[in-house]
Amino acid sequence: MHEISLMSDIMRIAEEELARHGGHRLTLVRVRYGTLNQIVPDAMRMAFDSFVAGTAHEGACLELVEEPLQLGCRSCGEKFEAASREALFRPCPSCGRFAGFECLTGDGIFLDHLEAE
């Protein structure tokens, strides 16, 4: 369950930002994650709840936003949305070549937004 480790890093960054801006209590944490990261939303929520329980942040909301996988063909430049990571191993739907793809979106985990009091 890598969500606990991810949430630990997210909360560390959130705490640093909170201190830097003079906040005392988180009210909203929005995390954007890519399809390729295979995040289990319920596990992320459970990890978040355990990190805020018994702290000044208890009651804060967690918003999770999944970013779709968008690929770009290295041969023809066509950009397209892929349903799953299997698309990385298929030919380009536009030119039919196996030239490889650039991952444009859908990879990574980002602390997208914080709200605090």
N, C-alpha and C. Protein backbone atom coordinates (compact mmCIF):
# COMPACT_ATOMS: atom_id res chain seq x y z
N MET A 1 0.86 -1.18 0.00
CA MET A 1 0.00 0.00 0.00
C MET A 1 0.90 1.24 0.00
N HIS A 2 1.30 1.67 -1.20
CA HIS A 2 2.19 2.81 -1.31
C HIS A 2 1.49 4.14 -1.02
N GLU A 3 0.20 4.11 -0.86
CA GLU A 3 -0.54 5.34 -0.57
C GLU A 3 -0.14 5.96 0.76
N ILE A 4 0.23 5.14 1.75
CA ILE A 4 0.65 5.68 3.05
C ILE A 4 1.93 6.49 2.88
N SER A 5 2.88 5.96 2.15
CA SER A 5 4.13 6.66 1.91
C SER A 5 3.90 7.95 1.13
N LEU A 6 3.05 7.87 0.11
CA LEU A 6 2.73 9.06 -0.68
C LEU A 6 2.06 10.12 0.17
N MET A 7 1.09 9.70 1.01
CA MET A 7 0.38 10.66 1.84
C MET A 7 1.32 11.28 2.88
N SER A 8 2.27 10.51 3.36
CA SER A 8 3.26 11.04 4.29
C SER A 8 4.02 12.20 3.65
N ASP A 9 4.46 12.01 2.42
CA ASP A 9 5.17 13.07 1.70
C ASP A 9 4.27 14.26 1.42
N ILE A 10 3.05 14.00 1.04
CA ILE A 10 2.09 15.08 0.76
C ILE A 10 1.85 15.91 2.01
N MET A 11 1.65 15.24 3.14
CA MET A 11 1.38 15.97 4.38
C MET A 11 2.61 16.75 4.85
N ARG A 12 3.80 16.21 4.62
CA ARG A 12 5.02 16.94 4.97
C ARG A 12 5.11 18.23 4.16
N ILE A 13 4.86 18.14 2.88
CA ILE A 13 4.89 19.33 2.02
C ILE A 13 3.79 20.31 2.44
N ALA A 14 2.60 19.80 2.73
CA ALA A 14 1.49 20.66 3.15
C ALA A 14 1.84 21.41 4.44
N GLU A 15 2.44 20.70 5.39
CA GLU A 15 2.86 21.32 6.66
C GLU A 15 3.90 22.42 6.42
N GLU A 16 4.85 22.17 5.52
CA GLU A 16 5.86 23.17 5.20
C GLU A 16 5.22 24.41 4.60
N GLU A 17 4.28 24.21 3.68
CA GLU A 17 3.59 25.34 3.06
C GLU A 17 2.74 26.09 4.08
N LEU A 18 2.10 25.36 4.94
CA LEU A 18 1.27 25.97 5.98
C LEU A 18 2.13 26.87 6.87
N ALA A 19 3.27 26.37 7.31
CA ALA A 19 4.17 27.15 8.16
C ALA A 19 4.73 28.36 7.41
N ARG A 20 5.06 28.17 6.15
CA ARG A 20 5.63 29.27 5.36
C ARG A 20 4.65 30.42 5.17
N HIS A 21 3.35 30.10 5.14
CA HIS A 21 2.34 31.13 4.91
C HIS A 21 1.59 31.53 6.18
N GLY A 22 2.02 31.04 7.32
CA GLY A 22 1.41 31.43 8.59
C GLY A 22 0.07 30.80 8.89
N GLY A 23 -0.25 29.69 8.25
CA GLY A 23 -1.51 29.00 8.53
C GLY A 23 -1.38 28.11 9.75
N HIS A 24 -2.52 27.73 10.30
CA HIS A 24 -2.52 26.90 11.50
C HIS A 24 -3.24 25.58 11.31
N ARG A 25 -4.20 25.56 10.39
CA ARG A 25 -5.02 24.37 10.23
C ARG A 25 -5.40 24.20 8.77
N LEU A 26 -5.14 23.02 8.24
CA LEU A 26 -5.56 22.70 6.88
C LEU A 26 -7.06 22.46 6.85
N THR A 27 -7.71 22.98 5.83
CA THR A 27 -9.14 22.72 5.66
C THR A 27 -9.41 21.93 4.37
N LEU A 28 -8.49 22.04 3.40
CA LEU A 28 -8.65 21.32 2.13
C LEU A 28 -7.28 20.99 1.57
N VAL A 29 -7.14 19.76 1.12
CA VAL A 29 -5.94 19.30 0.42
C VAL A 29 -6.42 18.66 -0.88
N ARG A 30 -5.94 19.20 -2.01
CA ARG A 30 -6.31 18.61 -3.31
C ARG A 30 -5.05 17.98 -3.91
N VAL A 31 -5.18 16.72 -4.25
CA VAL A 31 -4.09 15.96 -4.84
C VAL A 31 -4.50 15.53 -6.24
N ARG A 32 -3.64 15.82 -7.20
CA ARG A 32 -3.86 15.41 -8.58
C ARG A 32 -2.88 14.28 -8.86
N TYR A 33 -3.38 13.19 -9.42
CA TYR A 33 -2.52 12.03 -9.69
C TYR A 33 -2.83 11.46 -11.06
N GLY A 34 -1.81 10.90 -11.66
CA GLY A 34 -1.96 10.33 -12.99
C GLY A 34 -2.42 8.89 -12.96
N THR A 35 -3.10 8.52 -14.01
CA THR A 35 -3.58 7.15 -14.19
C THR A 35 -2.46 6.13 -14.03
N LEU A 36 -1.26 6.46 -14.52
CA LEU A 36 -0.14 5.53 -14.47
C LEU A 36 0.32 5.23 -13.04
N ASN A 37 -0.03 6.07 -12.09
CA ASN A 37 0.44 5.88 -10.72
C ASN A 37 -0.34 4.83 -9.94
N GLN A 38 -1.42 4.34 -10.51
CA GLN A 38 -2.21 3.26 -9.92
C GLN A 38 -2.58 3.55 -8.45
N ILE A 39 -3.06 4.73 -8.20
CA ILE A 39 -3.51 5.12 -6.87
C ILE A 39 -4.87 4.49 -6.61
N VAL A 40 -5.06 3.99 -5.40
CA VAL A 40 -6.36 3.49 -4.97
C VAL A 40 -6.97 4.60 -4.11
N PRO A 41 -7.99 5.30 -4.63
CA PRO A 41 -8.55 6.44 -3.91
C PRO A 41 -8.96 6.14 -2.47
N ASP A 42 -9.60 5.01 -2.23
CA ASP A 42 -10.01 4.69 -0.86
C ASP A 42 -8.81 4.54 0.06
N ALA A 43 -7.72 3.99 -0.45
CA ALA A 43 -6.51 3.84 0.37
C ALA A 43 -5.89 5.21 0.64
N MET A 44 -5.94 6.12 -0.33
CA MET A 44 -5.42 7.48 -0.10
C MET A 44 -6.26 8.19 0.95
N ARG A 45 -7.58 8.04 0.88
CA ARG A 45 -8.45 8.68 1.87
C ARG A 45 -8.20 8.11 3.27
N MET A 46 -8.01 6.80 3.35
CA MET A 46 -7.75 6.18 4.63
C MET A 46 -6.41 6.68 5.20
N ALA A 47 -5.40 6.79 4.36
CA ALA A 47 -4.10 7.30 4.79
C ALA A 47 -4.23 8.75 5.26
N PHE A 48 -4.95 9.57 4.50
CA PHE A 48 -5.16 10.97 4.88
C PHE A 48 -5.86 11.06 6.23
N ASP A 49 -6.93 10.30 6.39
CA ASP A 49 -7.67 10.32 7.65
C ASP A 49 -6.79 9.95 8.83
N SER A 50 -5.89 9.00 8.63
CA SER A 50 -5.01 8.60 9.73
C SER A 50 -3.97 9.68 10.03
N PHE A 51 -3.53 10.41 9.02
CA PHE A 51 -2.54 11.48 9.26
C PHE A 51 -3.16 12.70 9.94
N VAL A 52 -4.42 12.99 9.68
CA VAL A 52 -5.03 14.19 10.29
C VAL A 52 -5.74 13.89 11.61
N ALA A 53 -6.01 12.64 11.91
CA ALA A 53 -6.71 12.28 13.15
C ALA A 53 -5.93 12.75 14.37
N GLY A 54 -6.62 13.43 15.26
CA GLY A 54 -6.01 13.89 16.50
C GLY A 54 -5.08 15.08 16.34
N THR A 55 -5.10 15.71 15.17
CA THR A 55 -4.26 16.89 14.94
C THR A 55 -5.16 18.11 14.73
N ALA A 56 -4.53 19.26 14.58
CA ALA A 56 -5.28 20.48 14.29
C ALA A 56 -5.99 20.40 12.94
N HIS A 57 -5.54 19.49 12.10
CA HIS A 57 -6.11 19.35 10.74
C HIS A 57 -7.30 18.39 10.68
N GLU A 58 -7.64 17.80 11.80
CA GLU A 58 -8.77 16.85 11.81
C GLU A 58 -10.01 17.54 11.25
N GLY A 59 -10.70 16.87 10.35
CA GLY A 59 -11.88 17.43 9.70
C GLY A 59 -11.57 18.06 8.35
N ALA A 60 -10.29 18.16 8.00
CA ALA A 60 -9.92 18.69 6.69
C ALA A 60 -10.43 17.76 5.61
N CYS A 61 -10.68 18.32 4.43
CA CYS A 61 -11.18 17.54 3.30
C CYS A 61 -10.03 17.20 2.36
N LEU A 62 -10.11 16.01 1.80
CA LEU A 62 -9.16 15.58 0.79
C LEU A 62 -9.92 15.45 -0.52
N GLU A 63 -9.43 16.13 -1.54
CA GLU A 63 -9.98 15.99 -2.89
C GLU A 63 -8.94 15.27 -3.74
N LEU A 64 -9.37 14.24 -4.42
CA LEU A 64 -8.50 13.48 -5.30
C LEU A 64 -8.97 13.67 -6.74
N VAL A 65 -8.06 14.07 -7.60
CA VAL A 65 -8.38 14.32 -9.00
C VAL A 65 -7.48 13.43 -9.86
N GLU A 66 -8.09 12.49 -10.57
CA GLU A 66 -7.33 11.61 -11.44
C GLU A 66 -7.11 12.29 -12.79
N GLU A 67 -5.87 12.34 -13.21
CA GLU A 67 -5.50 12.94 -14.49
C GLU A 67 -5.41 11.83 -15.53
N PRO A 68 -6.12 11.95 -16.63
CA PRO A 68 -6.10 10.89 -17.64
C PRO A 68 -4.73 10.79 -18.32
N LEU A 69 -4.49 9.64 -18.89
CA LEU A 69 -3.25 9.38 -19.60
C LEU A 69 -3.36 9.95 -21.01
N GLN A 70 -2.48 10.90 -21.32
CA GLN A 70 -2.43 11.45 -22.67
C GLN A 70 -1.02 11.21 -23.21
N LEU A 71 -0.96 10.64 -24.39
CA LEU A 71 0.31 10.27 -25.01
C LEU A 71 0.51 11.03 -26.31
N GLY A 72 1.78 11.20 -26.66
CA GLY A 72 2.15 11.80 -27.93
C GLY A 72 3.08 10.86 -28.68
N CYS A 73 2.78 10.58 -29.92
CA CYS A 73 3.60 9.69 -30.74
C CYS A 73 4.91 10.38 -31.09
N ARG A 74 6.02 9.69 -30.86
CA ARG A 74 7.34 10.24 -31.18
C ARG A 74 7.62 10.25 -32.68
N SER A 75 6.81 9.56 -33.45
CA SER A 75 7.01 9.51 -34.90
C SER A 75 6.20 10.58 -35.62
N CYS A 76 4.88 10.59 -35.43
CA CYS A 76 4.03 11.52 -36.18
C CYS A 76 3.56 12.72 -35.37
N GLY A 77 3.77 12.67 -34.04
CA GLY A 77 3.37 13.80 -33.21
C GLY A 77 1.91 13.79 -32.78
N GLU A 78 1.15 12.79 -33.22
CA GLU A 78 -0.27 12.70 -32.84
C GLU A 78 -0.40 12.61 -31.33
N LYS A 79 -1.34 13.36 -30.76
CA LYS A 79 -1.64 13.32 -29.33
C LYS A 79 -2.98 12.65 -29.13
N PHE A 80 -3.06 11.75 -28.16
CA PHE A 80 -4.31 11.06 -27.93
C PHE A 80 -4.41 10.62 -26.48
N GLU A 81 -5.65 10.45 -26.02
CA GLU A 81 -5.90 9.95 -24.67
C GLU A 81 -5.96 8.43 -24.71
N ALA A 82 -5.28 7.80 -23.76
CA ALA A 82 -5.24 6.34 -23.70
C ALA A 82 -6.04 5.85 -22.50
N ALA A 83 -6.70 4.73 -22.67
CA ALA A 83 -7.53 4.18 -21.60
C ALA A 83 -6.70 3.52 -20.50
N SER A 84 -5.53 3.00 -20.87
CA SER A 84 -4.71 2.31 -19.86
C SER A 84 -3.25 2.32 -20.28
N ARG A 85 -2.40 1.82 -19.40
CA ARG A 85 -0.96 1.79 -19.67
C ARG A 85 -0.60 0.83 -20.81
N GLU A 86 -1.51 -0.08 -21.17
CA GLU A 86 -1.25 -1.00 -22.26
C GLU A 86 -1.02 -0.25 -23.58
N ALA A 87 -1.60 0.94 -23.70
CA ALA A 87 -1.43 1.74 -24.92
C ALA A 87 0.03 2.08 -25.18
N LEU A 88 0.84 2.10 -24.12
CA LEU A 88 2.26 2.38 -24.27
C LEU A 88 2.98 1.34 -25.10
N PHE A 89 2.41 0.15 -25.20
CA PHE A 89 3.05 -0.98 -25.87
C PHE A 89 2.37 -1.35 -27.19
N ARG A 90 1.52 -0.48 -27.66
CA ARG A 90 0.80 -0.71 -28.91
C ARG A 90 1.28 0.28 -29.97
N PRO A 91 0.96 0.02 -31.22
CA PRO A 91 1.34 1.00 -32.24
C PRO A 91 0.49 2.26 -32.13
N CYS A 92 1.00 3.32 -32.68
CA CYS A 92 0.27 4.60 -32.69
C CYS A 92 -1.05 4.42 -33.43
N PRO A 93 -2.15 4.89 -32.86
CA PRO A 93 -3.45 4.75 -33.55
C PRO A 93 -3.54 5.61 -34.81
N SER A 94 -2.64 6.58 -34.96
CA SER A 94 -2.67 7.45 -36.12
C SER A 94 -1.78 6.94 -37.26
N CYS A 95 -0.49 6.67 -36.95
CA CYS A 95 0.44 6.28 -38.02
C CYS A 95 0.76 4.80 -38.03
N GLY A 96 0.40 4.06 -36.96
CA GLY A 96 0.63 2.62 -36.92
C GLY A 96 2.05 2.19 -36.58
N ARG A 97 2.92 3.15 -36.26
CA ARG A 97 4.31 2.81 -35.96
C ARG A 97 4.50 2.50 -34.48
N PHE A 98 5.54 1.73 -34.20
CA PHE A 98 5.96 1.45 -32.83
C PHE A 98 7.14 2.36 -32.49
N ALA A 99 6.94 3.65 -32.53
CA ALA A 99 8.03 4.61 -32.34
C ALA A 99 8.17 5.02 -30.88
N GLY A 100 7.28 4.60 -30.04
CA GLY A 100 7.31 5.02 -28.64
C GLY A 100 6.48 6.28 -28.45
N PHE A 101 6.11 6.50 -27.21
CA PHE A 101 5.24 7.63 -26.90
C PHE A 101 5.86 8.49 -25.81
N GLU A 102 5.52 9.75 -25.87
CA GLU A 102 5.85 10.68 -24.79
C GLU A 102 4.61 10.77 -23.91
N CYS A 103 4.80 10.65 -22.62
CA CYS A 103 3.68 10.78 -21.68
C CYS A 103 3.45 12.27 -21.43
N LEU A 104 2.34 12.80 -21.93
CA LEU A 104 2.04 14.22 -21.80
C LEU A 104 1.34 14.53 -20.48
N THR A 105 0.40 13.70 -20.11
CA THR A 105 -0.28 13.81 -18.81
C THR A 105 -0.59 12.40 -18.33
N GLY A 106 -0.88 12.29 -17.05
CA GLY A 106 -1.29 11.00 -16.51
C GLY A 106 -0.21 10.29 -15.73
N ASP A 107 0.91 10.97 -15.51
CA ASP A 107 1.98 10.38 -14.71
C ASP A 107 2.40 11.42 -13.68
N GLY A 108 2.53 11.00 -12.45
CA GLY A 108 2.96 11.91 -11.39
C GLY A 108 1.88 12.12 -10.36
N ILE A 109 2.33 12.64 -9.24
CA ILE A 109 1.43 12.96 -8.13
C ILE A 109 1.78 14.37 -7.69
N PHE A 110 0.77 15.22 -7.59
CA PHE A 110 0.99 16.63 -7.32
C PHE A 110 0.09 17.12 -6.19
N LEU A 111 0.66 17.86 -5.27
CA LEU A 111 -0.13 18.57 -4.28
C LEU A 111 -0.62 19.81 -5.02
N ASP A 112 -1.84 19.77 -5.47
CA ASP A 112 -2.38 20.74 -6.42
C ASP A 112 -2.89 22.02 -5.75
N HIS A 113 -3.45 21.87 -4.55
CA HIS A 113 -4.11 23.02 -3.90
C HIS A 113 -4.24 22.78 -2.41
N LEU A 114 -4.03 23.83 -1.64
CA LEU A 114 -4.24 23.79 -0.19
C LEU A 114 -5.12 24.94 0.23
N GLU A 115 -5.97 24.70 1.20
CA GLU A 115 -6.70 25.78 1.86
C GLU A 115 -6.49 25.60 3.35
N ALA A 116 -6.34 26.74 4.04
CA ALA A 116 -6.04 26.68 5.47
C ALA A 116 -6.61 27.89 6.18
N GLU A 117 -6.63 27.76 7.50
CA GLU A 117 -7.08 28.88 8.35
C GLU A 117 -5.87 29.38 9.11
